[in-house]
PDB file of N, CA and C in Angstrom:
ATOM      1  N   UNK A   1      -2.322  15.793   5.115  1.00  0.00           N
ATOM      2  CA  UNK A   1      -3.159  14.736   4.557  1.00  0.00           C
ATOM      3  C   UNK A   1      -2.397  13.416   4.629  1.00  0.00           C
ATOM      4  N   UNK A   2      -3.123  12.360   4.915  1.00  0.00           N
ATOM      5  CA  UNK A   2      -2.514  11.032   4.999  1.00  0.00           C
ATOM      6  C   UNK A   2      -3.366  10.060   4.188  1.00  0.00           C
ATOM      7  N   UNK A   3      -2.787   8.905   3.932  1.00  0.00           N
ATOM      8  CA  UNK A   3      -3.470   7.859   3.164  1.00  0.00           C
ATOM      9  C   UNK A   3      -3.578   6.599   4.010  1.00  0.00           C
ATOM     10  N   UNK A   4      -4.769   6.015   4.064  1.00  0.00           N
ATOM     11  CA  UNK A   4      -4.953   4.719   4.709  1.00  0.00           C
ATOM     12  C   UNK A   4      -4.950   3.682   3.601  1.00  0.00           C
ATOM     13  N   UNK A   5      -4.015   2.736   3.700  1.00  0.00           N
ATOM     14  CA  UNK A   5      -3.817   1.732   2.658  1.00  0.00           C
ATOM     15  C   UNK A   5      -4.156   0.359   3.238  1.00  0.00           C
ATOM     16  N   UNK A   6      -5.032  -0.364   2.555  1.00  0.00           N
ATOM     17  CA  UNK A   6      -5.460  -1.691   2.994  1.00  0.00           C
ATOM     18  C   UNK A   6      -5.086  -2.711   1.923  1.00  0.00           C
ATOM     19  N   UNK A   7      -4.422  -3.795   2.332  1.00  0.00           N
ATOM     20  CA  UNK A   7      -4.068  -4.857   1.386  1.00  0.00           C
ATOM     21  C   UNK A   7      -5.277  -5.755   1.168  1.00  0.00           C
ATOM     22  N   UNK A   8      -5.641  -5.970  -0.097  1.00  0.00           N
ATOM     23  CA  UNK A   8      -6.816  -6.764  -0.444  1.00  0.00           C
ATOM     24  C   UNK A   8      -6.484  -8.145  -0.980  1.00  0.00           C
ATOM     25  N   UNK A   9      -5.291  -8.315  -1.543  1.00  0.00           N
ATOM     26  CA  UNK A   9      -4.915  -9.583  -2.155  1.00  0.00           C
ATOM     27  C   UNK A   9      -3.599 -10.079  -1.569  1.00  0.00           C
ATOM     28  N   UNK A  10      -3.377 -11.377  -1.687  1.00  0.00           N
ATOM     29  CA  UNK A  10      -2.167 -11.994  -1.171  1.00  0.00           C
ATOM     30  C   UNK A  10      -0.978 -11.828  -2.102  1.00  0.00           C
ATOM     31  N   UNK A  11       0.180 -12.312  -1.639  1.00  0.00           N
ATOM     32  CA  UNK A  11       1.431 -12.095  -2.372  1.00  0.00           C
ATOM     33  C   UNK A  11       1.899 -13.324  -3.143  1.00  0.00           C
ATOM     34  N   UNK A  12       1.061 -14.338  -3.257  1.00  0.00           N
ATOM     35  CA  UNK A  12       1.442 -15.534  -4.008  1.00  0.00           C
ATOM     36  C   UNK A  12       1.396 -15.208  -5.498  1.00  0.00           C
ATOM     37  N   UNK A  13       2.430 -15.618  -6.214  1.00  0.00           N
ATOM     38  CA  UNK A  13       2.520 -15.459  -7.672  1.00  0.00           C
ATOM     39  C   UNK A  13       2.477 -14.003  -8.129  1.00  0.00           C
ATOM     40  N   UNK A  14       3.149 -13.116  -7.387  1.00  0.00           N
ATOM     41  CA  UNK A  14       3.295 -11.741  -7.867  1.00  0.00           C
ATOM     42  C   UNK A  14       4.769 -11.457  -8.078  1.00  0.00           C
ATOM     43  N   UNK A  15       5.058 -10.410  -8.841  1.00  0.00           N
ATOM     44  CA  UNK A  15       6.444 -10.066  -9.146  1.00  0.00           C
ATOM     45  C   UNK A  15       7.160  -9.560  -7.896  1.00  0.00           C
ATOM     46  N   UNK A  16       8.478  -9.710  -7.890  1.00  0.00           N
ATOM     47  CA  UNK A  16       9.280  -9.334  -6.734  1.00  0.00           C
ATOM     48  C   UNK A  16       9.180  -7.835  -6.442  1.00  0.00           C
ATOM     49  N   UNK A  17       9.111  -6.994  -7.487  1.00  0.00           N
ATOM     50  CA  UNK A  17       9.033  -5.556  -7.228  1.00  0.00           C
ATOM     51  C   UNK A  17       7.715  -5.184  -6.551  1.00  0.00           C
ATOM     52  N   UNK A  18       6.644  -5.914  -6.853  1.00  0.00           N
ATOM     53  CA  UNK A  18       5.364  -5.670  -6.190  1.00  0.00           C
ATOM     54  C   UNK A  18       5.424  -6.122  -4.735  1.00  0.00           C
ATOM     55  N   UNK A  19       6.054  -7.255  -4.501  1.00  0.00           N
ATOM     56  CA  UNK A  19       6.231  -7.754  -3.132  1.00  0.00           C
ATOM     57  C   UNK A  19       7.056  -6.755  -2.315  1.00  0.00           C
ATOM     58  N   UNK A  20       8.106  -6.216  -2.925  1.00  0.00           N
ATOM     59  CA  UNK A  20       8.958  -5.235  -2.249  1.00  0.00           C
ATOM     60  C   UNK A  20       8.187  -3.954  -1.938  1.00  0.00           C
ATOM     61  N   UNK A  21       7.329  -3.519  -2.855  1.00  0.00           N
ATOM     62  CA  UNK A  21       6.541  -2.302  -2.624  1.00  0.00           C
ATOM     63  C   UNK A  21       5.569  -2.496  -1.467  1.00  0.00           C
ATOM     64  N   UNK A  22       4.938  -3.665  -1.386  1.00  0.00           N
ATOM     65  CA  UNK A  22       4.038  -3.931  -0.259  1.00  0.00           C
ATOM     66  C   UNK A  22       4.794  -3.896   1.061  1.00  0.00           C
ATOM     67  N   UNK A  23       5.961  -4.496   1.087  1.00  0.00           N
ATOM     68  CA  UNK A  23       6.775  -4.506   2.312  1.00  0.00           C
ATOM     69  C   UNK A  23       7.207  -3.097   2.706  1.00  0.00           C
ATOM     70  N   UNK A  24       7.622  -2.298   1.732  1.00  0.00           N
ATOM     71  CA  UNK A  24       8.090  -0.943   2.058  1.00  0.00           C
ATOM     72  C   UNK A  24       6.943  -0.048   2.512  1.00  0.00           C
ATOM     73  N   UNK A  25       5.724  -0.370   2.075  1.00  0.00           N
ATOM     74  CA  UNK A  25       4.553   0.354   2.582  1.00  0.00           C
ATOM     75  C   UNK A  25       4.186  -0.110   3.988  1.00  0.00           C
ATOM     76  N   UNK A  26       4.689  -1.270   4.394  1.00  0.00           N
ATOM     77  CA  UNK A  26       4.412  -1.788   5.726  1.00  0.00           C
ATOM     78  C   UNK A  26       3.282  -2.794   5.769  1.00  0.00           C
ATOM     79  N   UNK A  27       2.847  -3.262   4.607  1.00  0.00           N
ATOM     80  CA  UNK A  27       1.746  -4.226   4.538  1.00  0.00           C
ATOM     81  C   UNK A  27       2.293  -5.637   4.605  1.00  0.00           C
ATOM     82  N   UNK A  28       1.647  -6.499   5.405  1.00  0.00           N
ATOM     83  CA  UNK A  28       2.172  -7.841   5.629  1.00  0.00           C
ATOM     84  C   UNK A  28       1.200  -8.950   5.269  1.00  0.00           C
ATOM     85  N   UNK A  29      -0.100  -8.666   5.282  1.00  0.00           N
ATOM     86  CA  UNK A  29      -1.073  -9.733   5.044  1.00  0.00           C
ATOM     87  C   UNK A  29      -2.382  -9.135   4.535  1.00  0.00           C
ATOM     88  N   UNK A  30      -3.256  -9.982   4.055  1.00  0.00           N
ATOM     89  CA  UNK A  30      -4.555  -9.535   3.568  1.00  0.00           C
ATOM     90  C   UNK A  30      -5.337  -8.924   4.730  1.00  0.00           C
ATOM     91  N   UNK A  31      -5.920  -7.764   4.496  1.00  0.00           N
ATOM     92  CA  UNK A  31      -6.699  -7.081   5.520  1.00  0.00           C
ATOM     93  C   UNK A  31      -5.891  -6.145   6.392  1.00  0.00           C
ATOM     94  N   UNK A  32      -4.575  -6.165   6.271  1.00  0.00           N
ATOM     95  CA  UNK A  32      -3.710  -5.294   7.064  1.00  0.00           C
ATOM     96  C   UNK A  32      -3.826  -3.857   6.566  1.00  0.00           C
ATOM     97  N   UNK A  33      -3.937  -2.905   7.503  1.00  0.00           N
ATOM     98  CA  UNK A  33      -4.061  -1.485   7.153  1.00  0.00           C
ATOM     99  C   UNK A  33      -2.899  -0.706   7.740  1.00  0.00           C
ATOM    100  N   UNK A  34      -2.426   0.281   6.992  1.00  0.00           N
ATOM    101  CA  UNK A  34      -1.404   1.197   7.475  1.00  0.00           C
ATOM    102  C   UNK A  34      -1.796   2.613   7.067  1.00  0.00           C
ATOM    103  N   UNK A  35      -1.291   3.585   7.804  1.00  0.00           N
ATOM    104  CA  UNK A  35      -1.501   4.990   7.456  1.00  0.00           C
ATOM    105  C   UNK A  35      -0.138   5.578   7.113  1.00  0.00           C
ATOM    106  N   UNK A  36      -0.035   6.159   5.929  1.00  0.00           N
ATOM    107  CA  UNK A  36       1.215   6.745   5.452  1.00  0.00           C
ATOM    108  C   UNK A  36       0.955   8.179   4.996  1.00  0.00           C
ATOM    109  N   UNK A  37       1.969   9.040   5.071  1.00  0.00           N
ATOM    110  CA  UNK A  37       1.800  10.418   4.566  1.00  0.00           C
ATOM    111  C   UNK A  37       1.623  10.422   3.055  1.00  0.00           C
ATOM    112  N   UNK A  38       0.927  11.418   2.565  1.00  0.00           N
ATOM    113  CA  UNK A  38       0.671  11.534   1.127  1.00  0.00           C
ATOM    114  C   UNK A  38       1.856  12.240   0.477  1.00  0.00           C
ATOM    115  N   UNK A  39       2.842  11.436   0.050  1.00  0.00           N
ATOM    116  CA  UNK A  39       4.037  11.966  -0.602  1.00  0.00           C
ATOM    117  C   UNK A  39       4.173  11.322  -1.977  1.00  0.00           C
ATOM    118  N   UNK A  40       4.953  11.908  -2.865  1.00  0.00           N
ATOM    119  CA  UNK A  40       5.162  11.304  -4.184  1.00  0.00           C
ATOM    120  C   UNK A  40       5.776   9.903  -4.115  1.00  0.00           C
ATOM    121  N   UNK A  41       6.641   9.660  -3.147  1.00  0.00           N
ATOM    122  CA  UNK A  41       7.269   8.344  -3.004  1.00  0.00           C
ATOM    123  C   UNK A  41       6.216   7.289  -2.658  1.00  0.00           C
ATOM    124  N   UNK A  42       5.369   7.604  -1.698  1.00  0.00           N
ATOM    125  CA  UNK A  42       4.316   6.667  -1.288  1.00  0.00           C
ATOM    126  C   UNK A  42       3.327   6.457  -2.435  1.00  0.00           C
ATOM    127  N   UNK A  43       2.976   7.536  -3.138  1.00  0.00           N
ATOM    128  CA  UNK A  43       2.066   7.409  -4.285  1.00  0.00           C
ATOM    129  C   UNK A  43       2.656   6.485  -5.359  1.00  0.00           C
ATOM    130  N   UNK A  44       3.965   6.559  -5.578  1.00  0.00           N
ATOM    131  CA  UNK A  44       4.620   5.694  -6.558  1.00  0.00           C
ATOM    132  C   UNK A  44       4.580   4.235  -6.135  1.00  0.00           C
ATOM    133  N   UNK A  45       4.794   3.968  -4.840  1.00  0.00           N
ATOM    134  CA  UNK A  45       4.730   2.601  -4.344  1.00  0.00           C
ATOM    135  C   UNK A  45       3.312   2.055  -4.468  1.00  0.00           C
ATOM    136  N   UNK A  46       2.316   2.893  -4.178  1.00  0.00           N
ATOM    137  CA  UNK A  46       0.922   2.475  -4.313  1.00  0.00           C
ATOM    138  C   UNK A  46       0.605   2.176  -5.769  1.00  0.00           C
ATOM    139  N   UNK A  47       1.136   2.974  -6.679  1.00  0.00           N
ATOM    140  CA  UNK A  47       0.868   2.781  -8.106  1.00  0.00           C
ATOM    141  C   UNK A  47       1.339   1.416  -8.594  1.00  0.00           C
ATOM    142  N   UNK A  48       2.443   0.922  -8.036  1.00  0.00           N
ATOM    143  CA  UNK A  48       2.978  -0.387  -8.434  1.00  0.00           C
ATOM    144  C   UNK A  48       2.014  -1.507  -8.037  1.00  0.00           C
ATOM    145  N   UNK A  49       1.344  -1.368  -6.904  1.00  0.00           N
ATOM    146  CA  UNK A  49       0.465  -2.430  -6.387  1.00  0.00           C
ATOM    147  C   UNK A  49      -0.998  -1.979  -6.338  1.00  0.00           C
ATOM    148  N   UNK A  50      -1.381  -1.083  -7.233  1.00  0.00           N
ATOM    149  CA  UNK A  50      -2.729  -0.500  -7.185  1.00  0.00           C
ATOM    150  C   UNK A  50      -3.837  -1.525  -7.340  1.00  0.00           C
ATOM    151  N   UNK A  51      -3.546  -2.668  -7.982  1.00  0.00           N
ATOM    152  CA  UNK A  51      -4.540  -3.718  -8.162  1.00  0.00           C
ATOM    153  C   UNK A  51      -4.704  -4.595  -6.915  1.00  0.00           C
ATOM    154  N   UNK A  52      -3.845  -4.388  -5.911  1.00  0.00           N
ATOM    155  CA  UNK A  52      -3.856  -5.222  -4.709  1.00  0.00           C
ATOM    156  C   UNK A  52      -4.269  -4.487  -3.450  1.00  0.00           C
ATOM    157  N   UNK A  53      -4.442  -3.160  -3.536  1.00  0.00           N
ATOM    158  CA  UNK A  53      -4.713  -2.367  -2.341  1.00  0.00           C
ATOM    159  C   UNK A  53      -5.906  -1.450  -2.533  1.00  0.00           C
ATOM    160  N   UNK A  54      -6.459  -1.014  -1.407  1.00  0.00           N
ATOM    161  CA  UNK A  54      -7.493   0.004  -1.399  1.00  0.00           C
ATOM    162  C   UNK A  54      -6.907   1.206  -0.681  1.00  0.00           C
ATOM    163  N   UNK A  55      -7.086   2.404  -1.247  1.00  0.00           N
ATOM    164  CA  UNK A  55      -6.509   3.614  -0.691  1.00  0.00           C
ATOM    165  C   UNK A  55      -7.617   4.596  -0.347  1.00  0.00           C
ATOM    166  N   UNK A  56      -7.556   5.136   0.880  1.00  0.00           N
ATOM    167  CA  UNK A  56      -8.516   6.145   1.309  1.00  0.00           C
ATOM    168  C   UNK A  56      -7.746   7.321   1.889  1.00  0.00           C
ATOM    169  N   UNK A  57      -8.259   8.530   1.683  1.00  0.00           N
ATOM    170  CA  UNK A  57      -7.632   9.706   2.266  1.00  0.00           C
ATOM    171  C   UNK A  57      -8.133   9.888   3.685  1.00  0.00           C
ATOM    172  N   UNK A  58      -7.199  10.217   4.583  1.00  0.00           N
ATOM    173  CA  UNK A  58      -7.522  10.434   5.988  1.00  0.00           C
ATOM    174  C   UNK A  58      -7.045  11.829   6.347  1.00  0.00           C
ATOM    175  N   UNK A  59      -7.904  12.616   6.946  1.00  0.00           N
ATOM    176  CA  UNK A  59      -7.543  13.979   7.320  1.00  0.00           C
ATOM    177  C   UNK A  59      -6.961  13.992   8.740  1.00  0.00           C
ATOM    178  N   UNK A  60      -6.062  14.921   8.989  1.00  0.00           N
ATOM    179  CA  UNK A  60      -5.593  15.155  10.343  1.00  0.00           C
ATOM    180  C   UNK A  60      -4.339  14.430  10.759  1.00  0.00           C
ATOM    181  N   UNK A  61      -3.681  13.708   9.870  1.00  0.00           N
ATOM    182  CA  UNK A  61      -2.455  13.031  10.279  1.00  0.00           C
ATOM    183  C   UNK A  61      -1.286  13.471   9.458  1.00  0.00           C
TER     184      UNK A  61
END
């Protein structure tokens, strides 16, 4: 199982740890999408920026 993560909001006026989590997920700009494996580490990073991203489950990756 994999997760498709889409950034919905920009990085202006957010905390540094949230900015770091977006970067470690591989997100760079609004509308950017990445596919990451569904692991506890990735889930934790998503939890930090849950108000800024949309997460969908993708089968087969």
